[in-house]
Amino acid sequence: MKITKYKFCRIFNSQGSLGACLACVALLTLMGCGSLSSNKQVIPPCPKIFLLKDANTLTVFNSKKETDIIDIFSDVSIINFKAQCGFNKKRTEVSLSLRILFDVSRGPANKNQSVGFDYFVAIPKFHPSPSGKKVFPINVMFKGNKNRMKLMDRVEIKVPISTKYDANEYSIYIGIQLTSNQLKYNRQQMNQNLRR
């Protein structure tokens, strides 16, 4: 069976308090990890999901200095994610519901009350097909003097699987979409933190 594509369906995004977002995240658990169904059939494990360490934050500066805090336009980070999965009766498709929690803040250099960024969900098994990665844009609007909020986004993924399904072959990676300079900055920050 040749697998060539899969489907994404973005459900919603919501902005709210940290408590509300974490309450939603707490309701989700990773399902289908070798458990038994009601008819005692073994349910296959869910695909593993990984957050890329060098792509889980984004700091945007208003200048090229990248050193002064007053030049920060925005800060975004992925602070949590949860997922649940299920299989169709014929075990030819796995459906995943993925919720990602972001921490978004606008810096001193941001005067327009909004922050925009993109994040991605990718399955390397389908690379280099365009279906192997999906990028989702997000725009956050701040009201009044508010400069920080939590954002939860949910993505539904339907992936066709082979009869010789191996969860490790369908691993999913999530991260914030970065430019080469932004990725370089993140890695420099990680190296500095390791030296401390």
N, C-alpha and C. Protein backbone atom coordinates (compact mmCIF):
# COMPACT_ATOMS: atom_id res chain seq x y z
N MET A 1 0.85 -1.20 0.00
CA MET A 1 0.00 0.00 0.00
C MET A 1 0.88 1.23 0.00
N LYS A 2 0.73 2.05 -1.00
CA LYS A 2 1.52 3.27 -1.09
C LYS A 2 0.77 4.43 -0.45
N ILE A 3 1.39 5.04 0.53
CA ILE A 3 0.74 6.14 1.24
C ILE A 3 1.30 7.45 0.71
N THR A 4 0.45 8.30 0.18
CA THR A 4 0.93 9.51 -0.48
C THR A 4 0.42 10.80 0.14
N LYS A 5 -0.64 10.72 0.92
CA LYS A 5 -1.16 11.98 1.47
C LYS A 5 -1.99 11.72 2.73
N TYR A 6 -2.26 12.79 3.45
CA TYR A 6 -3.15 12.72 4.59
C TYR A 6 -3.88 14.05 4.70
N LYS A 7 -4.84 14.13 5.58
CA LYS A 7 -5.70 15.32 5.64
C LYS A 7 -5.57 16.04 6.97
N PHE A 8 -5.52 17.37 6.88
CA PHE A 8 -5.57 18.22 8.06
C PHE A 8 -6.92 18.94 8.09
N CYS A 9 -7.43 19.16 9.26
CA CYS A 9 -8.65 19.96 9.40
C CYS A 9 -8.52 20.80 10.65
N ARG A 10 -8.32 22.09 10.49
CA ARG A 10 -8.17 22.96 11.66
C ARG A 10 -9.55 23.28 12.22
N ILE A 11 -9.74 23.02 13.49
CA ILE A 11 -11.06 23.15 14.10
C ILE A 11 -11.34 24.55 14.63
N PHE A 12 -10.47 25.04 15.48
CA PHE A 12 -10.72 26.37 16.06
C PHE A 12 -9.45 26.88 16.72
N ASN A 13 -9.47 28.15 17.05
CA ASN A 13 -8.46 28.67 17.96
C ASN A 13 -9.16 29.58 18.95
N SER A 14 -8.70 29.58 20.17
CA SER A 14 -9.37 30.36 21.20
C SER A 14 -8.35 31.06 22.08
N GLN A 15 -8.70 32.24 22.50
CA GLN A 15 -7.83 33.02 23.36
C GLN A 15 -8.49 33.15 24.73
N GLY A 16 -7.70 32.97 25.77
CA GLY A 16 -8.27 33.06 27.10
C GLY A 16 -7.21 33.03 28.16
N SER A 17 -7.66 32.84 29.40
CA SER A 17 -6.73 32.85 30.52
C SER A 17 -5.96 31.54 30.58
N LEU A 18 -4.86 31.57 31.31
CA LEU A 18 -4.04 30.36 31.46
C LEU A 18 -4.84 29.26 32.13
N GLY A 19 -5.61 29.60 33.15
CA GLY A 19 -6.38 28.59 33.86
C GLY A 19 -7.36 27.88 32.95
N ALA A 20 -8.06 28.64 32.11
CA ALA A 20 -9.05 28.06 31.21
C ALA A 20 -8.37 27.15 30.19
N CYS A 21 -7.24 27.59 29.66
CA CYS A 21 -6.54 26.80 28.65
C CYS A 21 -6.01 25.50 29.24
N LEU A 22 -5.41 25.60 30.42
CA LEU A 22 -4.86 24.40 31.05
C LEU A 22 -5.96 23.44 31.44
N ALA A 23 -7.13 23.97 31.78
CA ALA A 23 -8.26 23.10 32.12
C ALA A 23 -8.67 22.29 30.91
N CYS A 24 -8.66 22.93 29.73
CA CYS A 24 -9.00 22.21 28.50
C CYS A 24 -7.95 21.15 28.20
N VAL A 25 -6.69 21.51 28.36
CA VAL A 25 -5.61 20.56 28.08
C VAL A 25 -5.71 19.36 28.99
N ALA A 26 -6.06 19.59 30.24
CA ALA A 26 -6.10 18.50 31.22
C ALA A 26 -7.16 17.46 30.88
N LEU A 27 -8.16 17.84 30.08
CA LEU A 27 -9.21 16.91 29.73
C LEU A 27 -8.77 15.89 28.69
N LEU A 28 -7.66 16.18 28.00
CA LEU A 28 -7.20 15.31 26.93
C LEU A 28 -6.16 14.32 27.43
N THR A 29 -6.27 13.09 27.00
CA THR A 29 -5.25 12.09 27.32
C THR A 29 -4.86 11.37 26.06
N LEU A 30 -3.66 10.84 26.05
CA LEU A 30 -3.20 10.08 24.89
C LEU A 30 -3.83 8.70 24.94
N MET A 31 -4.62 8.38 23.91
CA MET A 31 -5.38 7.14 23.90
C MET A 31 -4.81 6.15 22.89
N GLY A 32 -5.20 4.91 23.02
CA GLY A 32 -4.86 3.89 22.05
C GLY A 32 -3.45 3.35 22.18
N CYS A 33 -2.87 3.39 23.35
CA CYS A 33 -1.49 2.93 23.52
C CYS A 33 -1.47 1.47 23.97
N GLY A 34 -1.80 0.59 23.05
CA GLY A 34 -1.76 -0.84 23.38
C GLY A 34 -2.83 -1.27 24.34
N SER A 35 -3.95 -0.54 24.45
CA SER A 35 -5.02 -0.91 25.36
C SER A 35 -5.99 -1.86 24.67
N LEU A 36 -7.00 -2.30 25.41
CA LEU A 36 -7.98 -3.22 24.85
C LEU A 36 -9.28 -2.49 24.58
N SER A 37 -9.93 -2.80 23.46
CA SER A 37 -11.23 -2.23 23.16
C SER A 37 -12.29 -3.08 23.85
N SER A 38 -13.58 -2.70 23.67
CA SER A 38 -14.67 -3.41 24.34
C SER A 38 -14.77 -4.87 23.88
N ASN A 39 -14.35 -5.17 22.64
CA ASN A 39 -14.40 -6.55 22.18
C ASN A 39 -13.04 -7.25 22.34
N LYS A 40 -12.21 -6.72 23.20
CA LYS A 40 -10.92 -7.30 23.59
C LYS A 40 -9.88 -7.34 22.46
N GLN A 41 -10.07 -6.51 21.45
CA GLN A 41 -9.06 -6.38 20.42
C GLN A 41 -8.00 -5.39 20.89
N VAL A 42 -6.76 -5.69 20.58
CA VAL A 42 -5.67 -4.79 20.98
C VAL A 42 -5.70 -3.56 20.09
N ILE A 43 -5.76 -2.39 20.71
CA ILE A 43 -5.75 -1.14 19.97
C ILE A 43 -4.31 -0.73 19.72
N PRO A 44 -3.93 -0.45 18.49
CA PRO A 44 -2.55 -0.06 18.19
C PRO A 44 -2.15 1.22 18.92
N PRO A 45 -0.87 1.43 19.15
CA PRO A 45 -0.41 2.67 19.80
C PRO A 45 -0.57 3.87 18.88
N CYS A 46 -0.75 5.03 19.48
CA CYS A 46 -0.85 6.28 18.72
C CYS A 46 0.53 6.66 18.17
N PRO A 47 0.55 7.38 17.05
CA PRO A 47 1.82 7.93 16.58
C PRO A 47 2.42 8.85 17.65
N LYS A 48 3.74 8.83 17.77
CA LYS A 48 4.40 9.69 18.75
C LYS A 48 4.44 11.13 18.24
N ILE A 49 4.34 12.06 19.17
CA ILE A 49 4.36 13.49 18.82
C ILE A 49 5.53 14.15 19.52
N PHE A 50 6.32 14.91 18.76
CA PHE A 50 7.51 15.56 19.29
C PHE A 50 7.44 17.07 19.07
N LEU A 51 7.87 17.82 20.08
CA LEU A 51 8.01 19.27 19.97
C LEU A 51 9.49 19.56 19.73
N LEU A 52 9.80 20.22 18.62
CA LEU A 52 11.19 20.53 18.28
C LEU A 52 11.73 21.59 19.23
N LYS A 53 12.81 21.27 19.94
CA LYS A 53 13.35 22.17 20.95
C LYS A 53 13.84 23.50 20.38
N ASP A 54 14.42 23.47 19.18
CA ASP A 54 14.94 24.71 18.62
C ASP A 54 13.89 25.46 17.80
N ALA A 55 12.64 24.96 17.84
CA ALA A 55 11.57 25.64 17.11
C ALA A 55 10.33 25.81 17.97
N ASN A 56 10.51 25.83 19.29
CA ASN A 56 9.35 26.00 20.17
C ASN A 56 9.21 27.41 20.71
N THR A 57 10.11 28.33 20.28
CA THR A 57 10.00 29.73 20.67
C THR A 57 10.27 30.63 19.47
N LEU A 58 9.73 31.82 19.55
CA LEU A 58 9.97 32.83 18.51
C LEU A 58 10.05 34.20 19.16
N THR A 59 11.20 34.85 19.02
CA THR A 59 11.37 36.23 19.50
C THR A 59 11.62 37.12 18.28
N VAL A 60 10.75 38.11 18.11
CA VAL A 60 10.87 39.03 16.98
C VAL A 60 11.34 40.37 17.50
N PHE A 61 12.41 40.89 16.87
CA PHE A 61 12.98 42.19 17.25
C PHE A 61 12.63 43.25 16.21
N ASN A 62 12.63 44.50 16.68
CA ASN A 62 12.38 45.62 15.78
C ASN A 62 13.65 46.10 15.10
N SER A 63 14.78 45.59 15.54
CA SER A 63 16.06 45.95 14.94
C SER A 63 16.90 44.69 14.77
N LYS A 64 18.07 44.83 14.19
CA LYS A 64 18.94 43.68 13.94
C LYS A 64 19.88 43.39 15.12
N LYS A 65 19.82 44.20 16.17
CA LYS A 65 20.73 44.03 17.31
C LYS A 65 20.46 42.74 18.07
N GLU A 66 19.20 42.42 18.28
CA GLU A 66 18.79 41.21 19.00
C GLU A 66 19.43 41.10 20.39
N THR A 67 19.62 42.23 21.02
CA THR A 67 20.24 42.22 22.35
C THR A 67 19.46 43.05 23.37
N ASP A 68 18.80 44.09 22.91
CA ASP A 68 18.13 45.02 23.82
C ASP A 68 16.66 44.64 23.98
N ILE A 69 16.23 44.52 25.22
CA ILE A 69 14.86 44.10 25.50
C ILE A 69 13.83 45.10 24.98
N ILE A 70 14.21 46.37 24.90
CA ILE A 70 13.25 47.38 24.42
C ILE A 70 13.00 47.25 22.92
N ASP A 71 13.81 46.47 22.22
CA ASP A 71 13.62 46.25 20.79
C ASP A 71 12.78 45.01 20.49
N ILE A 72 12.32 44.31 21.53
CA ILE A 72 11.51 43.11 21.30
C ILE A 72 10.11 43.50 20.84
N PHE A 73 9.72 42.97 19.70
CA PHE A 73 8.39 43.21 19.15
C PHE A 73 7.38 42.19 19.69
N SER A 74 7.78 40.92 19.75
CA SER A 74 6.89 39.88 20.26
C SER A 74 7.67 38.65 20.69
N ASP A 75 7.06 37.89 21.59
CA ASP A 75 7.60 36.61 22.07
C ASP A 75 6.49 35.57 21.99
N VAL A 76 6.80 34.43 21.41
CA VAL A 76 5.83 33.34 21.30
C VAL A 76 6.52 32.04 21.71
N SER A 77 5.82 31.21 22.45
CA SER A 77 6.38 29.91 22.80
C SER A 77 5.26 28.87 22.89
N ILE A 78 5.60 27.64 22.56
CA ILE A 78 4.69 26.50 22.75
C ILE A 78 4.98 25.95 24.14
N ILE A 79 3.99 25.99 25.01
CA ILE A 79 4.24 25.61 26.40
C ILE A 79 3.62 24.26 26.77
N ASN A 80 2.74 23.74 25.92
CA ASN A 80 2.16 22.43 26.21
C ASN A 80 1.43 21.92 24.97
N PHE A 81 1.26 20.62 24.90
CA PHE A 81 0.41 20.04 23.87
C PHE A 81 -0.12 18.70 24.36
N LYS A 82 -1.29 18.35 23.89
CA LYS A 82 -1.91 17.07 24.23
C LYS A 82 -2.57 16.51 22.98
N ALA A 83 -2.71 15.20 22.93
CA ALA A 83 -3.32 14.58 21.76
C ALA A 83 -4.09 13.33 22.15
N GLN A 84 -5.06 12.99 21.34
CA GLN A 84 -5.74 11.71 21.46
C GLN A 84 -5.94 11.15 20.05
N CYS A 85 -6.01 9.84 19.95
CA CYS A 85 -6.14 9.24 18.63
C CYS A 85 -7.13 8.10 18.64
N GLY A 86 -7.56 7.73 17.45
CA GLY A 86 -8.47 6.61 17.29
C GLY A 86 -8.29 6.01 15.90
N PHE A 87 -8.74 4.77 15.72
CA PHE A 87 -8.58 4.08 14.46
C PHE A 87 -9.95 3.68 13.91
N ASN A 88 -10.06 3.66 12.57
CA ASN A 88 -11.31 3.19 11.99
C ASN A 88 -11.39 1.66 12.12
N LYS A 89 -12.56 1.10 11.82
CA LYS A 89 -12.78 -0.34 12.05
C LYS A 89 -11.83 -1.21 11.24
N LYS A 90 -11.51 -0.78 10.02
CA LYS A 90 -10.64 -1.59 9.16
C LYS A 90 -9.16 -1.36 9.46
N ARG A 91 -8.87 -0.43 10.39
CA ARG A 91 -7.49 -0.10 10.75
C ARG A 91 -6.68 0.37 9.53
N THR A 92 -7.34 1.16 8.69
CA THR A 92 -6.67 1.72 7.52
C THR A 92 -6.43 3.22 7.68
N GLU A 93 -6.89 3.78 8.80
CA GLU A 93 -6.74 5.22 9.03
C GLU A 93 -6.68 5.51 10.52
N VAL A 94 -5.79 6.41 10.89
CA VAL A 94 -5.71 6.87 12.27
C VAL A 94 -6.09 8.34 12.31
N SER A 95 -6.96 8.70 13.24
CA SER A 95 -7.39 10.09 13.41
C SER A 95 -6.80 10.64 14.70
N LEU A 96 -6.20 11.81 14.60
CA LEU A 96 -5.60 12.44 15.78
C LEU A 96 -6.21 13.81 16.02
N SER A 97 -6.47 14.10 17.28
CA SER A 97 -6.91 15.42 17.69
C SER A 97 -5.79 16.02 18.52
N LEU A 98 -5.19 17.07 18.02
CA LEU A 98 -4.02 17.68 18.65
C LEU A 98 -4.34 19.08 19.14
N ARG A 99 -4.09 19.35 20.40
CA ARG A 99 -4.29 20.69 20.97
C ARG A 99 -2.94 21.23 21.43
N ILE A 100 -2.67 22.45 21.00
CA ILE A 100 -1.38 23.08 21.28
C ILE A 100 -1.62 24.38 22.03
N LEU A 101 -0.90 24.55 23.14
CA LEU A 101 -1.06 25.73 23.98
C LEU A 101 0.14 26.66 23.80
N PHE A 102 -0.15 27.91 23.44
CA PHE A 102 0.87 28.92 23.19
C PHE A 102 0.84 30.00 24.28
N ASP A 103 2.01 30.54 24.56
CA ASP A 103 2.15 31.74 25.39
C ASP A 103 2.60 32.86 24.45
N VAL A 104 1.78 33.90 24.31
CA VAL A 104 2.06 34.98 23.35
C VAL A 104 2.13 36.31 24.09
N SER A 105 3.19 37.06 23.83
CA SER A 105 3.33 38.37 24.46
C SER A 105 3.85 39.39 23.45
N ARG A 106 3.45 40.63 23.63
CA ARG A 106 3.96 41.70 22.78
C ARG A 106 4.97 42.51 23.58
N GLY A 107 6.07 42.85 22.92
CA GLY A 107 7.15 43.54 23.60
C GLY A 107 7.02 45.05 23.57
N PRO A 108 7.98 45.74 24.16
CA PRO A 108 7.95 47.21 24.23
C PRO A 108 7.92 47.88 22.85
N ALA A 109 8.47 47.21 21.84
CA ALA A 109 8.53 47.81 20.51
C ALA A 109 7.24 47.61 19.70
N ASN A 110 6.31 46.87 20.26
CA ASN A 110 5.05 46.59 19.56
C ASN A 110 4.01 47.64 19.93
N LYS A 111 3.62 48.46 18.96
CA LYS A 111 2.67 49.54 19.20
C LYS A 111 1.32 49.31 18.51
N ASN A 112 1.18 48.19 17.80
CA ASN A 112 -0.05 48.02 17.01
C ASN A 112 -1.04 47.01 17.59
N GLN A 113 -0.81 46.55 18.83
CA GLN A 113 -1.77 45.70 19.55
C GLN A 113 -1.97 44.31 18.96
N SER A 114 -1.11 43.87 18.04
CA SER A 114 -1.30 42.54 17.47
C SER A 114 0.03 41.81 17.30
N VAL A 115 -0.05 40.50 17.32
CA VAL A 115 1.12 39.64 17.09
C VAL A 115 0.71 38.53 16.13
N GLY A 116 1.48 38.34 15.09
CA GLY A 116 1.20 37.29 14.13
C GLY A 116 2.37 36.30 14.04
N PHE A 117 2.06 35.03 13.87
CA PHE A 117 3.09 34.01 13.71
C PHE A 117 2.48 32.79 13.05
N ASP A 118 3.32 31.87 12.62
CA ASP A 118 2.89 30.61 12.02
C ASP A 118 3.47 29.45 12.81
N TYR A 119 2.74 28.36 12.89
CA TYR A 119 3.31 27.13 13.43
C TYR A 119 3.01 25.99 12.46
N PHE A 120 3.72 24.88 12.62
CA PHE A 120 3.56 23.79 11.68
C PHE A 120 3.36 22.45 12.38
N VAL A 121 2.73 21.55 11.65
CA VAL A 121 2.60 20.15 12.05
C VAL A 121 3.11 19.33 10.87
N ALA A 122 4.04 18.41 11.12
CA ALA A 122 4.66 17.68 10.02
C ALA A 122 4.80 16.20 10.34
N ILE A 123 4.68 15.38 9.30
CA ILE A 123 4.92 13.94 9.40
C ILE A 123 6.03 13.58 8.41
N PRO A 124 7.26 13.38 8.89
CA PRO A 124 8.39 13.13 8.00
C PRO A 124 8.19 11.97 7.03
N LYS A 125 7.36 11.00 7.39
CA LYS A 125 7.14 9.85 6.51
C LYS A 125 6.68 10.28 5.13
N PHE A 126 5.96 11.40 5.05
CA PHE A 126 5.40 11.86 3.79
C PHE A 126 6.31 12.85 3.05
N HIS A 127 7.45 13.17 3.63
CA HIS A 127 8.42 14.07 2.98
C HIS A 127 8.99 13.37 1.75
N PRO A 128 9.20 14.07 0.62
CA PRO A 128 9.12 15.53 0.42
C PRO A 128 7.79 16.01 -0.14
N SER A 129 6.76 15.21 -0.10
CA SER A 129 5.46 15.64 -0.60
C SER A 129 4.97 16.85 0.20
N PRO A 130 4.32 17.83 -0.47
CA PRO A 130 3.76 18.99 0.25
C PRO A 130 2.79 18.58 1.34
N SER A 131 2.20 17.39 1.21
CA SER A 131 1.26 16.93 2.24
C SER A 131 1.96 16.53 3.52
N GLY A 132 3.31 16.51 3.49
CA GLY A 132 4.06 16.11 4.67
C GLY A 132 4.16 17.17 5.74
N LYS A 133 3.74 18.39 5.41
CA LYS A 133 3.83 19.48 6.39
C LYS A 133 2.71 20.48 6.14
N LYS A 134 2.08 20.93 7.22
CA LYS A 134 1.03 21.94 7.13
C LYS A 134 1.37 23.10 8.05
N VAL A 135 1.32 24.32 7.51
CA VAL A 135 1.63 25.53 8.28
C VAL A 135 0.32 26.27 8.59
N PHE A 136 0.15 26.64 9.86
CA PHE A 136 -1.07 27.31 10.30
C PHE A 136 -0.75 28.73 10.78
N PRO A 137 -1.36 29.75 10.19
CA PRO A 137 -1.14 31.13 10.64
C PRO A 137 -2.03 31.48 11.83
N ILE A 138 -1.50 32.28 12.72
CA ILE A 138 -2.26 32.76 13.88
C ILE A 138 -2.01 34.26 14.04
N ASN A 139 -3.07 35.00 14.32
CA ASN A 139 -2.94 36.42 14.62
C ASN A 139 -3.65 36.70 15.94
N VAL A 140 -2.93 37.26 16.88
CA VAL A 140 -3.45 37.54 18.22
C VAL A 140 -3.64 39.04 18.39
N MET A 141 -4.83 39.43 18.84
CA MET A 141 -5.13 40.84 19.10
C MET A 141 -5.17 41.10 20.60
N PHE A 142 -4.44 42.12 21.03
CA PHE A 142 -4.41 42.50 22.45
C PHE A 142 -5.31 43.71 22.69
N LYS A 143 -6.04 43.68 23.80
CA LYS A 143 -6.93 44.78 24.13
C LYS A 143 -6.34 45.64 25.25
N GLY A 144 -6.49 46.94 25.11
CA GLY A 144 -6.03 47.86 26.15
C GLY A 144 -4.56 47.73 26.44
N ASN A 145 -4.23 47.64 27.73
CA ASN A 145 -2.83 47.53 28.15
C ASN A 145 -2.35 46.08 28.28
N LYS A 146 -3.19 45.16 27.87
CA LYS A 146 -2.83 43.75 27.98
C LYS A 146 -1.67 43.44 27.04
N ASN A 147 -0.67 42.75 27.55
CA ASN A 147 0.49 42.44 26.70
C ASN A 147 0.88 40.96 26.71
N ARG A 148 0.02 40.12 27.31
CA ARG A 148 0.33 38.69 27.33
C ARG A 148 -0.95 37.88 27.41
N MET A 149 -1.00 36.77 26.70
CA MET A 149 -2.16 35.89 26.78
C MET A 149 -1.79 34.47 26.36
N LYS A 150 -2.68 33.55 26.69
CA LYS A 150 -2.53 32.16 26.29
C LYS A 150 -3.48 31.90 25.12
N LEU A 151 -3.01 31.06 24.22
CA LEU A 151 -3.80 30.72 23.04
C LEU A 151 -3.78 29.22 22.85
N MET A 152 -4.93 28.61 22.65
CA MET A 152 -4.99 27.19 22.35
C MET A 152 -5.50 26.99 20.94
N ASP A 153 -4.83 26.15 20.18
CA ASP A 153 -5.25 25.82 18.83
C ASP A 153 -5.41 24.32 18.72
N ARG A 154 -6.39 23.90 17.92
CA ARG A 154 -6.68 22.47 17.78
C ARG A 154 -6.63 22.09 16.31
N VAL A 155 -5.99 20.98 16.05
CA VAL A 155 -5.86 20.48 14.68
C VAL A 155 -6.31 19.02 14.65
N GLU A 156 -7.15 18.68 13.68
CA GLU A 156 -7.57 17.31 13.45
C GLU A 156 -6.78 16.75 12.27
N ILE A 157 -6.19 15.58 12.44
CA ILE A 157 -5.38 14.96 11.39
C ILE A 157 -5.91 13.56 11.11
N LYS A 158 -6.12 13.25 9.84
CA LYS A 158 -6.51 11.90 9.42
C LYS A 158 -5.40 11.35 8.54
N VAL A 159 -4.81 10.25 8.99
CA VAL A 159 -3.64 9.69 8.29
C VAL A 159 -3.94 8.27 7.82
N PRO A 160 -3.84 8.00 6.51
CA PRO A 160 -3.98 6.61 6.03
C PRO A 160 -2.78 5.79 6.47
N ILE A 161 -3.02 4.58 6.92
CA ILE A 161 -1.93 3.73 7.40
C ILE A 161 -1.94 2.39 6.67
N SER A 162 -0.78 1.75 6.65
CA SER A 162 -0.66 0.46 5.97
C SER A 162 -1.10 -0.67 6.91
N THR A 163 -1.26 -1.86 6.34
CA THR A 163 -1.66 -3.01 7.14
C THR A 163 -0.55 -3.42 8.11
N LYS A 164 0.69 -3.04 7.78
CA LYS A 164 1.82 -3.31 8.67
C LYS A 164 2.17 -2.04 9.45
N TYR A 165 1.15 -1.46 10.06
CA TYR A 165 1.29 -0.19 10.77
C TYR A 165 2.32 -0.25 11.89
N ASP A 166 3.23 0.72 11.88
CA ASP A 166 4.22 0.89 12.93
C ASP A 166 4.15 2.34 13.40
N ALA A 167 3.75 2.55 14.65
CA ALA A 167 3.55 3.90 15.17
C ALA A 167 4.79 4.78 15.01
N ASN A 168 5.96 4.17 15.12
CA ASN A 168 7.21 4.95 15.01
C ASN A 168 7.41 5.54 13.62
N GLU A 169 6.82 4.93 12.61
CA GLU A 169 6.97 5.43 11.25
C GLU A 169 6.09 6.65 10.97
N TYR A 170 5.12 6.89 11.84
CA TYR A 170 4.17 7.98 11.63
C TYR A 170 4.33 9.08 12.67
N SER A 171 5.54 9.24 13.19
CA SER A 171 5.80 10.28 14.20
C SER A 171 5.44 11.65 13.67
N ILE A 172 4.92 12.48 14.56
CA ILE A 172 4.47 13.83 14.20
C ILE A 172 5.33 14.86 14.93
N TYR A 173 5.74 15.90 14.21
CA TYR A 173 6.57 16.96 14.78
C TYR A 173 5.84 18.29 14.71
N ILE A 174 5.91 19.04 15.80
CA ILE A 174 5.29 20.37 15.82
C ILE A 174 6.34 21.41 16.21
N GLY A 175 6.13 22.63 15.75
CA GLY A 175 7.05 23.71 16.06
C GLY A 175 6.55 25.03 15.47
N ILE A 176 7.22 26.10 15.80
CA ILE A 176 6.91 27.41 15.26
C ILE A 176 7.70 27.60 13.97
N GLN A 177 7.05 28.11 12.95
CA GLN A 177 7.72 28.35 11.68
C GLN A 177 8.71 29.51 11.83
N LEU A 178 9.99 29.25 11.52
CA LEU A 178 11.04 30.24 11.74
C LEU A 178 11.81 30.53 10.46
N THR A 179 12.38 31.73 10.39
CA THR A 179 13.34 32.03 9.34
C THR A 179 14.68 31.43 9.75
N SER A 180 15.64 31.42 8.83
CA SER A 180 16.96 30.88 9.15
C SER A 180 17.63 31.69 10.26
N ASN A 181 17.43 33.00 10.26
CA ASN A 181 18.02 33.85 11.31
C ASN A 181 17.37 33.60 12.66
N GLN A 182 16.05 33.40 12.66
CA GLN A 182 15.35 33.12 13.91
C GLN A 182 15.75 31.77 14.49
N LEU A 183 15.95 30.79 13.62
CA LEU A 183 16.41 29.48 14.07
C LEU A 183 17.82 29.58 14.64
N LYS A 184 18.67 30.36 13.99
CA LYS A 184 20.04 30.57 14.47
C LYS A 184 20.03 31.24 15.84
N TYR A 185 19.16 32.22 16.02
CA TYR A 185 19.04 32.91 17.31
C TYR A 185 18.62 31.93 18.40
N ASN A 186 17.63 31.10 18.13
CA ASN A 186 17.17 30.12 19.11
C ASN A 186 18.29 29.17 19.54
N ARG A 187 19.07 28.73 18.58
CA ARG A 187 20.16 27.80 18.89
C ARG A 187 21.26 28.48 19.69
N GLN A 188 21.50 29.75 19.40
CA GLN A 188 22.49 30.51 20.19
C GLN A 188 22.02 30.66 21.63
N GLN A 189 20.73 30.93 21.81
CA GLN A 189 20.17 31.06 23.16
C GLN A 189 20.25 29.74 23.91
N MET A 190 19.99 28.64 23.21
CA MET A 190 20.08 27.32 23.84
C MET A 190 21.50 27.01 24.28
N ASN A 191 22.47 27.35 23.44
CA ASN A 191 23.88 27.11 23.78
C ASN A 191 24.32 27.96 24.96
N GLN A 192 23.85 29.20 25.03
CA GLN A 192 24.18 30.08 26.16
C GLN A 192 23.62 29.52 27.46
N ASN A 193 22.40 29.01 27.39
CA ASN A 193 21.76 28.44 28.59
C ASN A 193 22.50 27.19 29.07
N LEU A 194 23.05 26.42 28.14
CA LEU A 194 23.79 25.20 28.51
C LEU A 194 25.10 25.54 29.21
N ARG A 195 25.68 26.69 28.89
CA ARG A 195 26.96 27.08 29.49
C ARG A 195 26.79 27.62 30.90
N ARG A 196 25.57 28.00 31.25
CA ARG A 196 25.35 28.60 32.57
C ARG A 196 25.30 27.53 33.65
